[in-house]
Amino acid sequence: MEADVTTCYRHPKVETYVRCTRCDRYICPDCMREAAVGHQCVECVKEGHRSIRQARTVFGGKVAGSAVPVVTYVLIALNVLAYLGELVRPEIVDRFGMLGQGLIGPDGAYYLYENTHFAGFEAVGVAEGEWYRLVTAAFLHLPPGGGTFGILHIVLNMYGLWNLGRVVEDQLGRVRYLALYLLSALGGSVLVFLISPQDNAVGASGAIFGLAASFYVISRRLNRDMHGVNRFLAGFLIWMVISAGFTSWEGHLGGLLSGACVTAALAYAPAKHRTVVQAAATVGVLILLVALAVLKSSELTGQHSSPTMP
């Protein structure tokens, strides 16, 4: 009596006598995947991979090894493209930078405080409700009126983003890293708005300072040798003081504080409820920054007896 012919469950025309060690179905050489004992079929191998828990860092980011820092690359590309756009259309700075954050008078000058019913005066920029400026300004680097400082500005910032971003993104993961970057940028803009709303401020420096603070917190959380890290952060603080005369120290400080707060929440959230605590803390920082900006805007456009020049 002739034995029944067995065929592969995925390729019925291919004769085979090998079974998957996991599901016991017949598999042909094309469907065989070597296992610790015998061979498994394609579907069982995929199922096994899904059941393996993804290794993560202490901050919740996936352990990706030599993965490409996609978010860092995208942020650099956006900054460079925005800069090229500024060169072609300089008016982009006036539309999306932190320009005219308070009030403007009939003479075209900017004022800090004004009775909004006073003839000829009106709120402009962020104070008028153009909140997007607090974020978009962090992607612009050409100073008002142009100048050679723009190319140096973006080169230094992108150099810092390239060096710090890759390290921080690797530890935090893409989503947490992007949230940190944007909140640091927002924090820098908000502090400028709170302290010096009459200033013209653009640049990613606030976000870069936030990454520097994040790198510091990450290093402490991982118990790394802090001697070099302390010198690194001290260099950033010294630069913030030295450059205060020609850059926005408020933006630097705001980014530094925001980055430190967000990363501290990401780093020290309890492992059992890590994602929930991290998300709540991140949203909390966002709400605080927005609330501060709204209060300052109300103050700028509130009832005052007379305008005050900056």
Protein backbone atom coordinates (compact mmCIF):
# COMPACT_ATOMS: atom_id res chain seq x y z
CA MET A 1 0.00 0.00 0.00
CA GLU A 2 1.45 3.44 -1.02
CA ALA A 3 1.91 6.01 1.81
CA ASP A 4 0.08 9.32 1.70
CA VAL A 5 2.14 12.21 0.34
CA THR A 6 2.58 15.12 2.80
CA THR A 7 3.00 18.67 1.54
CA CYS A 8 3.91 22.05 2.99
CA TYR A 9 0.96 23.87 4.54
CA ARG A 10 1.99 27.09 2.77
CA HIS A 11 3.01 25.46 -0.52
CA PRO A 12 0.61 22.53 -1.17
CA LYS A 13 2.50 21.44 -4.30
CA VAL A 14 5.80 20.93 -2.47
CA GLU A 15 6.31 17.50 -0.89
CA THR A 16 7.92 17.48 2.53
CA TYR A 17 8.23 15.33 5.65
CA VAL A 18 9.53 17.97 8.09
CA ARG A 19 7.22 19.38 10.76
CA CYS A 20 7.38 22.67 12.62
CA THR A 21 8.52 21.90 16.16
CA ARG A 22 6.04 24.44 17.52
CA CYS A 23 2.77 23.94 15.61
CA ASP A 24 3.53 20.47 14.14
CA ARG A 25 2.56 21.48 10.59
CA TYR A 26 4.55 20.29 7.59
CA ILE A 27 6.95 22.87 6.18
CA CYS A 28 9.12 22.94 3.08
CA PRO A 29 12.73 24.23 2.95
CA ASP A 30 11.52 27.75 1.99
CA CYS A 31 9.35 27.92 5.10
CA MET A 32 11.87 26.46 7.54
CA ARG A 33 13.44 28.72 10.13
CA GLU A 34 16.17 27.21 12.24
CA ALA A 35 15.32 27.03 15.93
CA ALA A 36 17.11 25.83 19.06
CA VAL A 37 15.66 22.39 18.42
CA GLY A 38 14.65 21.50 14.86
CA HIS A 39 12.87 24.01 12.62
CA GLN A 40 9.90 26.33 12.97
CA CYS A 41 7.54 27.77 10.36
CA VAL A 42 7.43 31.46 9.42
CA GLU A 43 4.26 32.20 11.38
CA CYS A 44 5.55 30.60 14.59
CA VAL A 45 8.77 32.59 14.37
CA LYS A 46 6.82 35.85 13.98
CA GLU A 47 4.60 34.94 16.90
CA GLY A 48 7.65 34.21 19.01
CA HIS A 49 9.13 37.61 18.21
CA ARG A 50 5.91 39.35 19.24
CA SER A 51 5.95 37.59 22.59
CA ILE A 52 9.49 38.76 23.39
CA ARG A 53 9.41 41.88 25.53
CA GLN A 54 11.28 44.81 23.98
CA ALA A 55 14.26 45.88 26.06
CA ARG A 56 14.03 49.48 27.23
CA THR A 57 16.25 52.03 28.90
CA VAL A 58 15.55 53.26 32.42
CA PHE A 59 13.79 56.23 30.82
CA GLY A 60 11.38 54.07 28.81
CA GLY A 61 13.05 54.38 25.42
CA LYS A 62 13.58 51.26 23.32
CA VAL A 63 17.09 49.85 23.35
CA ALA A 64 17.87 50.36 19.71
CA GLY A 65 21.63 49.86 19.68
CA SER A 66 23.02 51.57 16.57
CA ALA A 67 19.64 52.85 15.36
CA VAL A 68 19.65 56.02 13.28
CA PRO A 69 18.70 59.13 15.35
CA VAL A 70 15.77 59.93 13.07
CA VAL A 71 14.27 62.74 15.15
CA THR A 72 17.61 64.53 15.43
CA TYR A 73 18.08 64.34 11.66
CA VAL A 74 14.55 65.65 11.05
CA LEU A 75 15.01 68.56 13.48
CA ILE A 76 18.29 69.55 11.84
CA ALA A 77 16.66 69.36 8.41
CA LEU A 78 13.74 71.55 9.53
CA ASN A 79 16.07 74.18 10.96
CA VAL A 80 18.22 74.25 7.83
CA LEU A 81 15.21 74.43 5.51
CA ALA A 82 13.73 77.25 7.59
CA TYR A 83 17.03 79.14 7.39
CA LEU A 84 17.17 78.77 3.62
CA GLY A 85 13.58 80.00 3.49
CA GLU A 86 14.58 83.06 5.54
CA LEU A 87 17.36 83.87 3.08
CA VAL A 88 14.88 83.81 0.20
CA ARG A 89 12.01 85.45 2.07
CA PRO A 90 13.34 87.53 5.01
CA GLU A 91 9.78 88.51 5.92
CA ILE A 92 9.41 84.99 7.36
CA VAL A 93 11.22 86.27 10.45
CA ASP A 94 8.60 88.99 10.97
CA ARG A 95 5.76 86.50 10.52
CA PHE A 96 7.02 83.56 12.58
CA GLY A 97 9.73 84.93 14.87
CA MET A 98 9.10 86.39 18.32
CA LEU A 99 8.78 89.88 16.96
CA GLY A 100 6.32 92.46 18.23
CA GLN A 101 5.33 90.39 21.25
CA GLY A 102 3.72 93.30 23.08
CA LEU A 103 2.07 96.41 21.74
CA ILE A 104 2.80 98.77 18.89
CA GLY A 105 2.02 102.47 18.75
CA PRO A 106 1.05 104.77 15.89
CA ASP A 107 4.73 105.68 15.54
CA GLY A 108 5.61 102.03 14.80
CA ALA A 109 7.55 101.62 18.06
CA TYR A 110 7.00 98.71 20.44
CA TYR A 111 5.62 99.29 23.92
CA LEU A 112 5.44 97.13 27.02
CA TYR A 113 2.18 98.26 28.59
CA GLU A 114 -0.77 100.05 27.14
CA ASN A 115 -4.41 100.78 27.61
CA THR A 116 -5.80 98.82 24.68
CA HIS A 117 -8.49 101.48 24.17
CA PHE A 118 -5.90 104.24 23.81
CA ALA A 119 -6.14 105.59 20.26
CA GLY A 120 -3.63 104.19 17.81
CA PHE A 121 -2.20 101.44 20.04
CA GLU A 122 -2.81 97.75 19.48
CA ALA A 123 -1.54 94.38 20.64
CA VAL A 124 0.62 92.49 18.16
CA GLY A 125 2.41 89.16 17.89
CA VAL A 126 2.06 86.75 20.79
CA ALA A 127 0.10 89.28 22.83
CA GLU A 128 -2.45 89.40 20.02
CA GLY A 129 -2.89 85.65 20.14
CA GLU A 130 -0.26 84.46 17.66
CA TRP A 131 0.87 81.74 20.07
CA TYR A 132 2.59 79.74 17.34
CA ARG A 133 5.44 82.27 17.44
CA LEU A 134 6.57 80.77 20.75
CA VAL A 135 7.44 77.55 18.87
CA THR A 136 8.19 78.65 15.31
CA ALA A 137 10.75 81.20 16.54
CA ALA A 138 12.87 78.25 17.72
CA PHE A 139 13.33 77.10 14.10
CA LEU A 140 14.49 80.47 12.76
CA HIS A 141 18.05 81.80 12.89
CA LEU A 142 18.25 84.89 10.71
CA PRO A 143 18.24 88.02 12.89
CA PRO A 144 15.85 90.86 12.02
CA GLY A 145 17.32 92.82 9.15
CA GLY A 146 19.59 89.95 8.12
CA GLY A 147 23.33 90.04 8.79
CA THR A 148 26.21 87.58 8.88
CA PHE A 149 25.40 86.42 12.41
CA GLY A 150 22.67 84.15 11.04
CA ILE A 151 25.00 81.56 9.50
CA LEU A 152 27.15 81.38 12.64
CA HIS A 153 23.99 81.16 14.74
CA ILE A 154 22.57 78.14 12.93
CA VAL A 155 25.94 76.39 12.57
CA LEU A 156 26.62 76.53 16.31
CA ASN A 157 23.08 75.43 17.19
CA MET A 158 23.04 72.55 14.71
CA TYR A 159 26.46 71.42 15.91
CA GLY A 160 25.08 71.29 19.45
CA LEU A 161 21.93 69.52 18.29
CA TRP A 162 23.96 66.93 16.38
CA ASN A 163 26.22 66.11 19.34
CA LEU A 164 23.66 66.25 22.14
CA GLY A 165 20.60 65.08 20.24
CA ARG A 166 22.00 61.69 19.27
CA VAL A 167 22.90 60.84 22.87
CA VAL A 168 19.64 62.06 24.40
CA GLU A 169 17.45 60.47 21.70
CA ASP A 170 19.19 57.12 22.19
CA GLN A 171 18.31 57.15 25.90
CA LEU A 172 14.83 58.69 25.86
CA GLY A 173 13.47 57.21 22.65
CA ARG A 174 11.98 59.19 19.80
CA VAL A 175 8.65 60.29 21.32
CA ARG A 176 10.05 61.38 24.69
CA TYR A 177 12.99 63.07 23.01
CA LEU A 178 10.77 65.07 20.67
CA ALA A 179 8.57 66.15 23.59
CA LEU A 180 11.67 67.25 25.50
CA TYR A 181 13.01 69.25 22.56
CA LEU A 182 9.74 71.08 21.86
CA LEU A 183 9.08 71.84 25.53
CA SER A 184 12.63 73.17 25.95
CA ALA A 185 12.13 75.40 22.91
CA LEU A 186 8.78 76.57 24.27
CA GLY A 187 10.25 77.15 27.72
CA GLY A 188 12.94 79.38 26.27
CA SER A 189 10.41 81.44 24.32
CA VAL A 190 8.08 81.77 27.30
CA LEU A 191 10.82 83.10 29.58
CA VAL A 192 11.77 85.66 26.92
CA PHE A 193 8.11 86.64 26.73
CA LEU A 194 7.87 86.93 30.53
CA ILE A 195 11.02 88.97 31.13
CA SER A 196 11.75 90.80 27.88
CA PRO A 197 8.62 90.82 25.72
CA GLN A 198 10.00 93.74 23.72
CA ASP A 199 13.02 91.77 22.49
CA ASN A 200 13.34 90.19 19.07
CA ALA A 201 14.29 86.56 19.69
CA VAL A 202 14.83 83.67 17.29
CA GLY A 203 16.90 80.50 17.35
CA ALA A 204 17.07 76.93 18.65
CA SER A 205 19.38 77.89 21.52
CA GLY A 206 16.68 77.36 24.15
CA ALA A 207 16.11 73.81 22.90
CA ILE A 208 19.87 73.15 22.79
CA PHE A 209 20.26 74.31 26.38
CA GLY A 210 17.37 72.01 27.25
CA LEU A 211 19.27 69.10 25.68
CA ALA A 212 22.37 70.06 27.68
CA ALA A 213 20.35 69.95 30.90
CA SER A 214 18.83 66.64 29.81
CA PHE A 215 22.28 65.18 29.17
CA TYR A 216 23.29 66.21 32.69
CA VAL A 217 20.23 64.61 34.31
CA ILE A 218 20.63 61.44 32.23
CA SER A 219 24.27 61.13 33.27
CA ARG A 220 23.39 61.46 36.94
CA ARG A 221 20.57 58.95 36.64
CA LEU A 222 22.91 56.42 35.01
CA ASN A 223 25.60 57.03 37.68
CA ARG A 224 28.19 58.06 35.12
CA ASP A 225 31.44 59.83 35.98
CA MET A 226 30.24 63.38 36.51
CA HIS A 227 33.58 65.20 36.35
CA GLY A 228 33.47 65.69 32.59
CA VAL A 229 29.69 66.23 32.60
CA ASN A 230 29.98 68.94 35.26
CA ARG A 231 32.61 70.76 33.21
CA PHE A 232 30.41 70.42 30.14
CA LEU A 233 27.38 72.00 31.83
CA ALA A 234 29.55 74.67 33.45
CA GLY A 235 30.72 75.62 29.97
CA PHE A 236 27.11 76.12 28.87
CA LEU A 237 26.38 78.28 31.93
CA ILE A 238 29.51 80.37 31.39
CA TRP A 239 28.55 80.88 27.76
CA MET A 240 25.07 81.97 28.83
CA VAL A 241 26.60 84.68 31.04
CA ILE A 242 29.23 85.81 28.53
CA SER A 243 26.80 85.99 25.63
CA ALA A 244 24.08 87.79 27.60
CA GLY A 245 24.97 91.07 25.90
CA PHE A 246 24.27 89.88 22.36
CA THR A 247 22.06 86.80 22.73
CA SER A 248 18.90 86.03 24.66
CA TRP A 249 20.02 84.73 28.05
CA GLU A 250 16.33 84.44 28.96
CA GLY A 251 15.81 81.94 26.14
CA HIS A 252 18.87 79.96 27.20
CA LEU A 253 17.80 79.86 30.84
CA GLY A 254 14.19 79.00 30.01
CA GLY A 255 15.27 76.12 27.82
CA LEU A 256 17.73 74.88 30.44
CA LEU A 257 15.12 74.87 33.23
CA SER A 258 12.43 73.29 31.06
CA GLY A 259 14.78 70.58 29.82
CA ALA A 260 15.93 69.79 33.35
CA CYS A 261 12.37 69.54 34.70
CA VAL A 262 11.09 67.35 31.87
CA THR A 263 14.08 64.99 31.97
CA ALA A 264 13.91 64.70 35.75
CA ALA A 265 10.30 63.54 35.41
CA LEU A 266 11.29 61.06 32.70
CA ALA A 267 14.29 59.79 34.64
CA TYR A 268 12.81 59.32 38.10
CA ALA A 269 9.27 58.18 37.31
CA PRO A 270 8.50 54.90 39.13
CA ALA A 271 9.02 51.93 36.83
CA LYS A 272 5.62 50.41 37.65
CA HIS A 273 3.69 53.46 36.42
CA ARG A 274 6.44 55.01 34.33
CA THR A 275 4.53 55.90 31.17
CA VAL A 276 1.56 57.42 33.03
CA VAL A 277 3.73 59.50 35.35
CA GLN A 278 5.96 60.66 32.50
CA ALA A 279 2.99 61.67 30.36
CA ALA A 280 1.33 63.49 33.26
CA ALA A 281 4.52 65.38 34.13
CA THR A 282 5.15 66.35 30.51
CA VAL A 283 1.60 67.63 30.07
CA GLY A 284 1.93 69.45 33.40
CA VAL A 285 5.02 71.34 32.18
CA LEU A 286 3.19 72.22 28.97
CA ILE A 287 0.16 73.55 30.88
CA LEU A 288 2.40 75.61 33.18
CA LEU A 289 4.24 77.22 30.26
CA VAL A 290 1.01 77.99 28.42
CA ALA A 291 -0.54 79.45 31.58
CA LEU A 292 2.46 81.73 32.14
CA ALA A 293 2.30 82.96 28.55
CA VAL A 294 -1.45 83.62 28.83
CA LEU A 295 -1.02 85.57 32.07
CA LYS A 296 1.76 87.67 30.57
CA SER A 297 -0.31 88.34 27.48
CA SER A 298 -3.21 89.49 29.67
CA GLU A 299 -0.85 91.79 31.55
CA LEU A 300 0.49 93.32 28.33
CA THR A 301 -2.94 93.98 26.92
CA GLY A 302 -4.55 94.95 30.23
CA GLN A 303 -5.80 98.33 31.37
CA HIS A 304 -2.91 100.75 32.00
CA SER A 305 -2.92 104.49 32.33
CA SER A 306 -0.28 105.19 29.70
CA PRO A 307 2.07 103.39 27.33
CA THR A 308 5.59 102.59 28.48
CA MET A 309 8.46 102.45 26.03
CA PRO A 310 10.73 99.38 26.35
